[in-house]
Amino acid sequence: MKSRPPAGGRSALALVVATNLLPLAGVVGFGWRVGELLAVYWIEVAALVIAHAAAAMFAERPIRLEDRSFYITGYDEDAERDEVWETDAEPVHLVSWLPPIYRRNFRVVRRSLGVFAFMMFPLLAVGWEALSYLTPTVGVATLGVCGAQVGEVRREFFAERAYEDQSPYMVVEAAQRVVFFYFVVAILTVVSVTFGIAVIDVVLAPGLLDGVADAVLLVPYLLPIALGKATVEWSRRRAFQEDDPDGIATWFTGEDARRDWKKDEESVGDA
């Protein structure tokens, strides 16, 4: 199994670890409320989606829609490719230090951004009060998480010229798989931790938590989410460093329709 050298080294990994610990530091050190936490998490997911959408414009390969197990927003199992995918791509060179973009990729990117309609539901519930959560410390955290997401996309997509071997669908799919995973982890965490706290406060030890600080009550919510985020980062790095990752690492990469027959060709060549 061929492995790639890590791109970015320890500094990139340290930045990712630091940004994952920002919410916990915000609660313990700056007294963040639930609103500040949700703001940082929402901005991080939005940065993830936007960074991958931008990277998808550079992907060279045409999309494949048949026999997929995961469909991004705007596509389903009955969707068909537009005629533009049947012809050779026309590259557009923006600047000399970037690879070319492809106009046809914008169709996929535009559809994929429909995920923001789903992400808007938490904001609709909060309304204009969400602006009150944009404190200076949240602003600093925002710069950190956005920088980390841009750095990860650069490492995964541009460092090894991965844009030559991926379609725009694969790029945005990788981001939406992460969004889906975060959503599941958040739902399970909120339901299970809230239920556990309610059982303690109502059944096992009524009044025990009355004098507990809000920050202490937030920690049980943060730990599973931090673990979920660490799982995502570890899986994405493993998928980047290995040509044929297995286990959960495969779930966080764009599904490559060529992967099976490429492995067959390589096994025949080795024989």
C-alpha atoms as a PDB file:
ATOM      1  CA  MET A   1       0.000   0.000   0.000  1.00  0.00           C
ATOM      2  CA  LYS A   2       1.499   3.306  -1.076  1.00  0.00           C
ATOM      3  CA  SER A   3       1.428   6.182   1.398  1.00  0.00           C
ATOM      4  CA  ARG A   4       1.803   9.883   0.777  1.00  0.00           C
ATOM      5  CA  PRO A   5       4.034  12.057   2.903  1.00  0.00           C
ATOM      6  CA  PRO A   6       2.105  14.226   5.318  1.00  0.00           C
ATOM      7  CA  ALA A   7       1.501  17.698   3.926  1.00  0.00           C
ATOM      8  CA  GLY A   8       1.805  20.567   6.334  1.00  0.00           C
ATOM      9  CA  GLY A   9       3.556  18.506   9.014  1.00  0.00           C
ATOM     10  CA  ARG A  10       3.090  19.031  12.709  1.00  0.00           C
ATOM     11  CA  SER A  11       2.168  22.704  12.387  1.00  0.00           C
ATOM     12  CA  ALA A  12      -0.963  21.861  10.365  1.00  0.00           C
ATOM     13  CA  LEU A  13      -1.932  19.141  12.829  1.00  0.00           C
ATOM     14  CA  ALA A  14      -1.352  21.484  15.765  1.00  0.00           C
ATOM     15  CA  LEU A  15      -3.638  24.090  14.177  1.00  0.00           C
ATOM     16  CA  VAL A  16      -6.415  21.527  13.729  1.00  0.00           C
ATOM     17  CA  VAL A  17      -6.076  20.282  17.324  1.00  0.00           C
ATOM     18  CA  ALA A  18      -6.101  23.846  18.632  1.00  0.00           C
ATOM     19  CA  THR A  19      -9.251  24.772  16.720  1.00  0.00           C
ATOM     20  CA  ASN A  20     -10.985  21.635  17.997  1.00  0.00           C
ATOM     21  CA  LEU A  21     -10.233  22.748  21.553  1.00  0.00           C
ATOM     22  CA  LEU A  22     -11.430  26.328  21.001  1.00  0.00           C
ATOM     23  CA  PRO A  23     -15.036  25.700  22.140  1.00  0.00           C
ATOM     24  CA  LEU A  24     -13.855  24.071  25.370  1.00  0.00           C
ATOM     25  CA  ALA A  25     -11.423  26.936  25.974  1.00  0.00           C
ATOM     26  CA  GLY A  26     -14.210  29.415  25.263  1.00  0.00           C
ATOM     27  CA  VAL A  27     -16.501  27.863  27.866  1.00  0.00           C
ATOM     28  CA  VAL A  28     -13.846  27.455  30.559  1.00  0.00           C
ATOM     29  CA  GLY A  29     -11.813  30.607  29.948  1.00  0.00           C
ATOM     30  CA  PHE A  30     -14.293  33.131  28.551  1.00  0.00           C
ATOM     31  CA  GLY A  31     -17.646  31.977  29.884  1.00  0.00           C
ATOM     32  CA  TRP A  32     -19.190  31.286  26.506  1.00  0.00           C
ATOM     33  CA  ARG A  33     -22.904  30.600  26.460  1.00  0.00           C
ATOM     34  CA  VAL A  34     -24.642  28.030  24.300  1.00  0.00           C
ATOM     35  CA  GLY A  35     -25.121  30.705  21.657  1.00  0.00           C
ATOM     36  CA  GLU A  36     -21.394  31.370  21.287  1.00  0.00           C
ATOM     37  CA  LEU A  37     -20.720  27.648  20.983  1.00  0.00           C
ATOM     38  CA  LEU A  38     -23.350  27.209  18.296  1.00  0.00           C
ATOM     39  CA  ALA A  39     -21.994  30.247  16.441  1.00  0.00           C
ATOM     40  CA  VAL A  40     -18.465  28.818  16.298  1.00  0.00           C
ATOM     41  CA  TYR A  41     -19.658  25.357  15.256  1.00  0.00           C
ATOM     42  CA  TRP A  42     -21.978  26.799  12.592  1.00  0.00           C
ATOM     43  CA  ILE A  43     -19.248  29.030  11.165  1.00  0.00           C
ATOM     44  CA  GLU A  44     -16.814  26.111  11.084  1.00  0.00           C
ATOM     45  CA  VAL A  45     -19.245  23.940   9.121  1.00  0.00           C
ATOM     46  CA  ALA A  46     -20.032  26.837   6.776  1.00  0.00           C
ATOM     47  CA  ALA A  47     -16.292  27.371   6.178  1.00  0.00           C
ATOM     48  CA  LEU A  48     -15.906  23.657   5.457  1.00  0.00           C
ATOM     49  CA  VAL A  49     -18.689  23.727   2.854  1.00  0.00           C
ATOM     50  CA  ILE A  50     -17.518  26.948   1.183  1.00  0.00           C
ATOM     51  CA  ALA A  51     -13.851  25.873   1.059  1.00  0.00           C
ATOM     52  CA  HIS A  52     -14.751  22.571  -0.609  1.00  0.00           C
ATOM     53  CA  ALA A  53     -17.149  24.317  -2.990  1.00  0.00           C
ATOM     54  CA  ALA A  54     -14.333  26.624  -4.081  1.00  0.00           C
ATOM     55  CA  ALA A  55     -11.925  23.695  -4.462  1.00  0.00           C
ATOM     56  CA  ALA A  56     -14.489  21.813  -6.556  1.00  0.00           C
ATOM     57  CA  MET A  57     -14.160  24.440  -9.283  1.00  0.00           C
ATOM     58  CA  PHE A  58     -10.623  23.131  -9.958  1.00  0.00           C
ATOM     59  CA  ALA A  59     -11.556  19.424 -10.228  1.00  0.00           C
ATOM     60  CA  GLU A  60     -10.759  18.045 -13.693  1.00  0.00           C
ATOM     61  CA  ARG A  61     -12.673  14.783 -13.921  1.00  0.00           C
ATOM     62  CA  PRO A  62     -16.300  14.537 -15.103  1.00  0.00           C
ATOM     63  CA  ILE A  63     -18.923  13.509 -12.585  1.00  0.00           C
ATOM     64  CA  ARG A  64     -20.458  10.031 -12.335  1.00  0.00           C
ATOM     65  CA  LEU A  65     -23.901   9.623 -10.783  1.00  0.00           C
ATOM     66  CA  GLU A  66     -24.658   5.930 -11.212  1.00  0.00           C
ATOM     67  CA  ASP A  67     -24.140   3.351  -8.440  1.00  0.00           C
ATOM     68  CA  ARG A  68     -23.461   5.872  -5.687  1.00  0.00           C
ATOM     69  CA  SER A  69     -24.291   5.289  -2.031  1.00  0.00           C
ATOM     70  CA  PHE A  70     -24.320   8.981  -1.020  1.00  0.00           C
ATOM     71  CA  TYR A  71     -26.019  11.801  -2.905  1.00  0.00           C
ATOM     72  CA  ILE A  72     -25.287  15.456  -2.227  1.00  0.00           C
ATOM     73  CA  THR A  73     -28.003  18.105  -2.107  1.00  0.00           C
ATOM     74  CA  GLY A  74     -29.435  18.729  -5.551  1.00  0.00           C
ATOM     75  CA  TYR A  75     -28.888  15.149  -6.738  1.00  0.00           C
ATOM     76  CA  ASP A  76     -30.601  11.805  -6.197  1.00  0.00           C
ATOM     77  CA  GLU A  77     -30.503   8.282  -7.608  1.00  0.00           C
ATOM     78  CA  ASP A  78     -32.691   9.343 -10.545  1.00  0.00           C
ATOM     79  CA  ALA A  79     -30.535  12.336 -11.517  1.00  0.00           C
ATOM     80  CA  GLU A  80     -28.851  12.308 -14.917  1.00  0.00           C
ATOM     81  CA  ARG A  81     -25.705  14.054 -16.095  1.00  0.00           C
ATOM     82  CA  ASP A  82     -26.022  17.198 -18.154  1.00  0.00           C
ATOM     83  CA  GLU A  83     -24.747  17.068 -21.720  1.00  0.00           C
ATOM     84  CA  VAL A  84     -21.828  19.295 -20.757  1.00  0.00           C
ATOM     85  CA  TRP A  85     -20.193  16.301 -19.060  1.00  0.00           C
ATOM     86  CA  GLU A  86     -20.066  14.369 -22.327  1.00  0.00           C
ATOM     87  CA  THR A  87     -17.581  16.809 -23.894  1.00  0.00           C
ATOM     88  CA  ASP A  88     -14.032  17.823 -23.043  1.00  0.00           C
ATOM     89  CA  ALA A  89     -13.714  20.406 -20.294  1.00  0.00           C
ATOM     90  CA  GLU A  90     -12.654  23.945 -21.158  1.00  0.00           C
ATOM     91  CA  PRO A  91     -10.126  25.222 -18.600  1.00  0.00           C
ATOM     92  CA  VAL A  92     -10.130  28.854 -17.510  1.00  0.00           C
ATOM     93  CA  HIS A  93      -6.832  30.189 -16.146  1.00  0.00           C
ATOM     94  CA  LEU A  94      -7.389  32.862 -13.504  1.00  0.00           C
ATOM     95  CA  VAL A  95      -3.838  33.413 -12.261  1.00  0.00           C
ATOM     96  CA  SER A  96      -0.538  31.733 -13.027  1.00  0.00           C
ATOM     97  CA  TRP A  97      -0.049  30.281  -9.543  1.00  0.00           C
ATOM     98  CA  LEU A  98      -3.367  28.406  -9.490  1.00  0.00           C
ATOM     99  CA  PRO A  99      -4.556  25.487 -11.609  1.00  0.00           C
ATOM    100  CA  PRO A 100      -7.378  26.274 -14.044  1.00  0.00           C
ATOM    101  CA  ILE A 101     -11.039  26.181 -13.090  1.00  0.00           C
ATOM    102  CA  TYR A 102     -13.795  24.633 -15.210  1.00  0.00           C
ATOM    103  CA  ARG A 103     -17.067  26.394 -15.963  1.00  0.00           C
ATOM    104  CA  ARG A 104     -19.040  23.150 -16.045  1.00  0.00           C
ATOM    105  CA  ASN A 105     -18.156  22.512 -12.391  1.00  0.00           C
ATOM    106  CA  PHE A 106     -20.247  25.501 -11.333  1.00  0.00           C
ATOM    107  CA  ARG A 107     -23.404  23.459 -11.969  1.00  0.00           C
ATOM    108  CA  VAL A 108     -22.391  20.974  -9.284  1.00  0.00           C
ATOM    109  CA  VAL A 109     -21.201  23.661  -6.870  1.00  0.00           C
ATOM    110  CA  ARG A 110     -24.429  25.642  -7.244  1.00  0.00           C
ATOM    111  CA  ARG A 111     -26.557  22.598  -6.460  1.00  0.00           C
ATOM    112  CA  SER A 112     -24.354  21.527  -3.560  1.00  0.00           C
ATOM    113  CA  LEU A 113     -24.783  24.887  -1.810  1.00  0.00           C
ATOM    114  CA  GLY A 114     -28.386  23.896  -1.234  1.00  0.00           C
ATOM    115  CA  VAL A 115     -27.054  22.339   1.969  1.00  0.00           C
ATOM    116  CA  PHE A 116     -27.175  25.877   3.416  1.00  0.00           C
ATOM    117  CA  ALA A 117     -30.973  25.700   3.325  1.00  0.00           C
ATOM    118  CA  PHE A 118     -30.675  22.833   5.795  1.00  0.00           C
ATOM    119  CA  MET A 119     -28.070  24.686   7.853  1.00  0.00           C
ATOM    120  CA  MET A 120     -30.312  27.755   8.151  1.00  0.00           C
ATOM    121  CA  PHE A 121     -32.820  26.016  10.426  1.00  0.00           C
ATOM    122  CA  PRO A 122     -30.855  26.729  13.652  1.00  0.00           C
ATOM    123  CA  LEU A 123     -30.559  30.405  12.640  1.00  0.00           C
ATOM    124  CA  LEU A 124     -34.283  30.690  11.974  1.00  0.00           C
ATOM    125  CA  ALA A 125     -34.967  29.480  15.506  1.00  0.00           C
ATOM    126  CA  VAL A 126     -32.611  32.074  17.015  1.00  0.00           C
ATOM    127  CA  GLY A 127     -33.435  34.973  14.698  1.00  0.00           C
ATOM    128  CA  TRP A 128     -31.606  38.292  14.934  1.00  0.00           C
ATOM    129  CA  GLU A 129     -30.456  37.381  18.441  1.00  0.00           C
ATOM    130  CA  ALA A 130     -27.712  35.357  16.722  1.00  0.00           C
ATOM    131  CA  LEU A 131     -25.842  38.625  16.112  1.00  0.00           C
ATOM    132  CA  SER A 132     -25.418  39.095  19.859  1.00  0.00           C
ATOM    133  CA  TYR A 133     -23.269  35.973  19.972  1.00  0.00           C
ATOM    134  CA  LEU A 134     -20.629  37.448  17.644  1.00  0.00           C
ATOM    135  CA  THR A 135     -18.358  38.593  20.459  1.00  0.00           C
ATOM    136  CA  PRO A 136     -14.646  39.457  20.028  1.00  0.00           C
ATOM    137  CA  THR A 137     -13.578  36.043  21.322  1.00  0.00           C
ATOM    138  CA  VAL A 138     -15.955  34.350  18.884  1.00  0.00           C
ATOM    139  CA  GLY A 139     -14.423  36.499  16.146  1.00  0.00           C
ATOM    140  CA  VAL A 140     -10.928  35.275  17.026  1.00  0.00           C
ATOM    141  CA  ALA A 141     -12.184  31.687  17.119  1.00  0.00           C
ATOM    142  CA  THR A 142     -13.815  32.224  13.729  1.00  0.00           C
ATOM    143  CA  LEU A 143     -10.502  33.267  12.198  1.00  0.00           C
ATOM    144  CA  GLY A 144      -8.933  30.130  13.635  1.00  0.00           C
ATOM    145  CA  VAL A 145     -11.529  27.646  12.395  1.00  0.00           C
ATOM    146  CA  CYS A 146     -11.756  29.272   8.962  1.00  0.00           C
ATOM    147  CA  GLY A 147      -7.977  29.239   8.615  1.00  0.00           C
ATOM    148  CA  ALA A 148      -7.873  25.598   9.660  1.00  0.00           C
ATOM    149  CA  GLN A 149     -10.499  24.605   7.088  1.00  0.00           C
ATOM    150  CA  VAL A 150      -8.723  26.447   4.284  1.00  0.00           C
ATOM    151  CA  GLY A 151      -5.445  24.813   5.327  1.00  0.00           C
ATOM    152  CA  GLU A 152      -7.024  21.355   5.334  1.00  0.00           C
ATOM    153  CA  VAL A 153      -8.475  21.828   1.858  1.00  0.00           C
ATOM    154  CA  ARG A 154      -5.119  23.050   0.586  1.00  0.00           C
ATOM    155  CA  ARG A 155      -3.411  20.018   2.107  1.00  0.00           C
ATOM    156  CA  GLU A 156      -5.949  17.477   0.878  1.00  0.00           C
ATOM    157  CA  PHE A 157      -6.667  18.905  -2.542  1.00  0.00           C
ATOM    158  CA  PHE A 158      -3.817  21.058  -3.836  1.00  0.00           C
ATOM    159  CA  ALA A 159      -0.648  19.761  -2.153  1.00  0.00           C
ATOM    160  CA  GLU A 160      -0.643  16.505  -4.147  1.00  0.00           C
ATOM    161  CA  ARG A 161      -2.525  17.840  -7.201  1.00  0.00           C
ATOM    162  CA  ALA A 162      -5.568  15.789  -6.201  1.00  0.00           C
ATOM    163  CA  TYR A 163      -7.732  18.056  -8.369  1.00  0.00           C
ATOM    164  CA  GLU A 164      -6.412  16.107 -11.376  1.00  0.00           C
ATOM    165  CA  ASP A 165      -7.968  12.849 -10.136  1.00  0.00           C
ATOM    166  CA  GLN A 166     -11.258  14.073  -8.656  1.00  0.00           C
ATOM    167  CA  SER A 167     -14.560  15.294  -9.986  1.00  0.00           C
ATOM    168  CA  PRO A 168     -16.350  18.318  -8.498  1.00  0.00           C
ATOM    169  CA  TYR A 169     -18.983  15.949  -7.163  1.00  0.00           C
ATOM    170  CA  MET A 170     -16.351  14.014  -5.180  1.00  0.00           C
ATOM    171  CA  VAL A 171     -14.983  17.211  -3.640  1.00  0.00           C
ATOM    172  CA  VAL A 172     -18.296  18.592  -2.375  1.00  0.00           C
ATOM    173  CA  GLU A 173     -19.419  15.101  -1.382  1.00  0.00           C
ATOM    174  CA  ALA A 174     -16.474  14.825   1.018  1.00  0.00           C
ATOM    175  CA  ALA A 175     -17.653  18.006   2.770  1.00  0.00           C
ATOM    176  CA  GLN A 176     -21.295  16.966   2.932  1.00  0.00           C
ATOM    177  CA  ARG A 177     -20.385  13.598   4.425  1.00  0.00           C
ATOM    178  CA  VAL A 178     -18.677  15.485   7.251  1.00  0.00           C
ATOM    179  CA  VAL A 179     -21.718  17.745   7.692  1.00  0.00           C
ATOM    180  CA  PHE A 180     -23.997  14.707   7.908  1.00  0.00           C
ATOM    181  CA  PHE A 181     -21.699  13.059  10.472  1.00  0.00           C
ATOM    182  CA  TYR A 182     -21.591  16.218  12.604  1.00  0.00           C
ATOM    183  CA  PHE A 183     -25.387  16.451  12.489  1.00  0.00           C
ATOM    184  CA  VAL A 184     -25.801  12.855  13.695  1.00  0.00           C
ATOM    185  CA  VAL A 185     -23.228  13.319  16.471  1.00  0.00           C
ATOM    186  CA  ALA A 186     -24.887  16.565  17.600  1.00  0.00           C
ATOM    187  CA  ILE A 187     -28.368  15.028  17.725  1.00  0.00           C
ATOM    188  CA  LEU A 188     -27.193  11.950  19.638  1.00  0.00           C
ATOM    189  CA  THR A 189     -25.180  14.092  22.047  1.00  0.00           C
ATOM    190  CA  VAL A 190     -27.964  16.566  22.814  1.00  0.00           C
ATOM    191  CA  VAL A 191     -30.574  13.841  23.322  1.00  0.00           C
ATOM    192  CA  SER A 192     -28.426  11.496  25.427  1.00  0.00           C
ATOM    193  CA  VAL A 193     -26.725  14.134  27.598  1.00  0.00           C
ATOM    194  CA  THR A 194     -29.941  16.074  28.207  1.00  0.00           C
ATOM    195  CA  PHE A 195     -31.700  12.852  29.169  1.00  0.00           C
ATOM    196  CA  GLY A 196     -28.854  11.910  31.517  1.00  0.00           C
ATOM    197  CA  ILE A 197     -28.889  15.307  33.222  1.00  0.00           C
ATOM    198  CA  ALA A 198     -32.669  15.146  33.588  1.00  0.00           C
ATOM    199  CA  VAL A 199     -32.475  11.697  35.183  1.00  0.00           C
ATOM    200  CA  ILE A 200     -29.864  12.898  37.671  1.00  0.00           C
ATOM    201  CA  ASP A 201     -31.707  16.116  38.513  1.00  0.00           C
ATOM    202  CA  VAL A 202     -35.210  14.672  38.730  1.00  0.00           C
ATOM    203  CA  VAL A 203     -34.844  11.029  39.741  1.00  0.00           C
ATOM    204  CA  LEU A 204     -31.474  10.188  41.253  1.00  0.00           C
ATOM    205  CA  ALA A 205     -30.500  13.360  43.098  1.00  0.00           C
ATOM    206  CA  PRO A 206     -33.101  16.147  42.921  1.00  0.00           C
ATOM    207  CA  GLY A 207     -31.547  19.568  43.388  1.00  0.00           C
ATOM    208  CA  LEU A 208     -27.975  18.288  43.068  1.00  0.00           C
ATOM    209  CA  LEU A 209     -27.277  20.327  39.953  1.00  0.00           C
ATOM    210  CA  ASP A 210     -28.962  23.540  41.107  1.00  0.00           C
ATOM    211  CA  GLY A 211     -25.731  25.125  42.254  1.00  0.00           C
ATOM    212  CA  VAL A 212     -23.599  23.834  39.391  1.00  0.00           C
ATOM    213  CA  ALA A 213     -22.204  26.469  37.044  1.00  0.00           C
ATOM    214  CA  ASP A 214     -23.482  26.538  33.490  1.00  0.00           C
ATOM    215  CA  ALA A 215     -19.966  25.938  32.166  1.00  0.00           C
ATOM    216  CA  VAL A 216     -19.777  22.642  34.038  1.00  0.00           C
ATOM    217  CA  LEU A 217     -23.081  21.506  32.533  1.00  0.00           C
ATOM    218  CA  LEU A 218     -21.840  22.350  29.032  1.00  0.00           C
ATOM    219  CA  VAL A 219     -18.749  20.140  29.284  1.00  0.00           C
ATOM    220  CA  PRO A 220     -20.661  16.824  28.888  1.00  0.00           C
ATOM    221  CA  TYR A 221     -22.076  18.198  25.628  1.00  0.00           C
ATOM    222  CA  LEU A 222     -18.682  19.346  24.379  1.00  0.00           C
ATOM    223  CA  LEU A 223     -16.709  16.151  24.970  1.00  0.00           C
ATOM    224  CA  PRO A 224     -18.636  13.848  22.559  1.00  0.00           C
ATOM    225  CA  ILE A 225     -18.671  16.585  19.915  1.00  0.00           C
ATOM    226  CA  ALA A 226     -14.923  17.136  20.331  1.00  0.00           C
ATOM    227  CA  LEU A 227     -14.408  13.374  20.015  1.00  0.00           C
ATOM    228  CA  GLY A 228     -16.527  13.320  16.859  1.00  0.00           C
ATOM    229  CA  LYS A 229     -14.535  16.194  15.364  1.00  0.00           C
ATOM    230  CA  ALA A 230     -11.267  14.448  16.246  1.00  0.00           C
ATOM    231  CA  THR A 231     -12.552  11.307  14.505  1.00  0.00           C
ATOM    232  CA  VAL A 232     -13.267  13.327  11.371  1.00  0.00           C
ATOM    233  CA  GLU A 233      -9.821  14.962  11.342  1.00  0.00           C
ATOM    234  CA  TRP A 234      -8.019  11.659  11.956  1.00  0.00           C
ATOM    235  CA  SER A 235     -10.037   9.933   9.240  1.00  0.00           C
ATOM    236  CA  ARG A 236      -9.483  12.704   6.691  1.00  0.00           C
ATOM    237  CA  ARG A 237      -5.740  12.670   7.330  1.00  0.00           C
ATOM    238  CA  ARG A 238      -5.585   8.896   7.032  1.00  0.00           C
ATOM    239  CA  ALA A 239      -7.585   8.993   3.800  1.00  0.00           C
ATOM    240  CA  PHE A 240      -5.152  11.577   2.434  1.00  0.00           C
ATOM    241  CA  GLN A 241      -2.005   9.678   3.396  1.00  0.00           C
ATOM    242  CA  GLU A 242      -3.141   6.265   2.097  1.00  0.00           C
ATOM    243  CA  ASP A 243      -4.182   5.383  -1.440  1.00  0.00           C
ATOM    244  CA  ASP A 244      -6.492   2.633  -0.176  1.00  0.00           C
ATOM    245  CA  PRO A 245      -7.722   3.524   3.330  1.00  0.00           C
ATOM    246  CA  ASP A 246     -10.157   1.266   5.117  1.00  0.00           C
ATOM    247  CA  GLY A 247     -12.599   1.517   7.991  1.00  0.00           C
ATOM    248  CA  ILE A 248     -14.255   4.797   8.870  1.00  0.00           C
ATOM    249  CA  ALA A 249     -11.601   6.763   6.952  1.00  0.00           C
ATOM    250  CA  THR A 250     -13.204   5.722   3.662  1.00  0.00           C
ATOM    251  CA  TRP A 251     -16.515   7.302   4.667  1.00  0.00           C
ATOM    252  CA  PHE A 252     -15.089  10.815   4.772  1.00  0.00           C
ATOM    253  CA  THR A 253     -13.761  10.798   1.211  1.00  0.00           C
ATOM    254  CA  GLY A 254     -15.627  11.436  -1.999  1.00  0.00           C
ATOM    255  CA  GLU A 255     -16.836   8.159  -3.464  1.00  0.00           C
ATOM    256  CA  ASP A 256     -14.572   7.273  -6.411  1.00  0.00           C
ATOM    257  CA  ALA A 257     -16.366   5.214  -9.039  1.00  0.00           C
ATOM    258  CA  ARG A 258     -12.980   4.233 -10.496  1.00  0.00           C
ATOM    259  CA  ARG A 259     -11.533   2.903  -7.249  1.00  0.00           C
ATOM    260  CA  ASP A 260     -12.451  -0.772  -7.725  1.00  0.00           C
ATOM    261  CA  TRP A 261     -11.260  -1.174 -11.284  1.00  0.00           C
ATOM    262  CA  LYS A 262      -8.114   0.827 -10.551  1.00  0.00           C
ATOM    263  CA  LYS A 263      -7.261  -1.632  -7.775  1.00  0.00           C
ATOM    264  CA  ASP A 264      -7.943  -4.541 -10.133  1.00  0.00           C
ATOM    265  CA  GLU A 265      -5.621  -3.040 -12.752  1.00  0.00           C
ATOM    266  CA  GLU A 266      -2.876  -2.501 -10.188  1.00  0.00           C
ATOM    267  CA  SER A 267      -3.186  -6.072  -8.890  1.00  0.00           C
ATOM    268  CA  VAL A 268      -2.935  -7.425 -12.445  1.00  0.00           C
ATOM    269  CA  GLY A 269       0.092  -5.223 -13.116  1.00  0.00           C
ATOM    270  CA  ASP A 270       1.819  -6.392  -9.938  1.00  0.00           C
ATOM    271  CA  ALA A 271       1.198 -10.014 -10.920  1.00  0.00           C
END
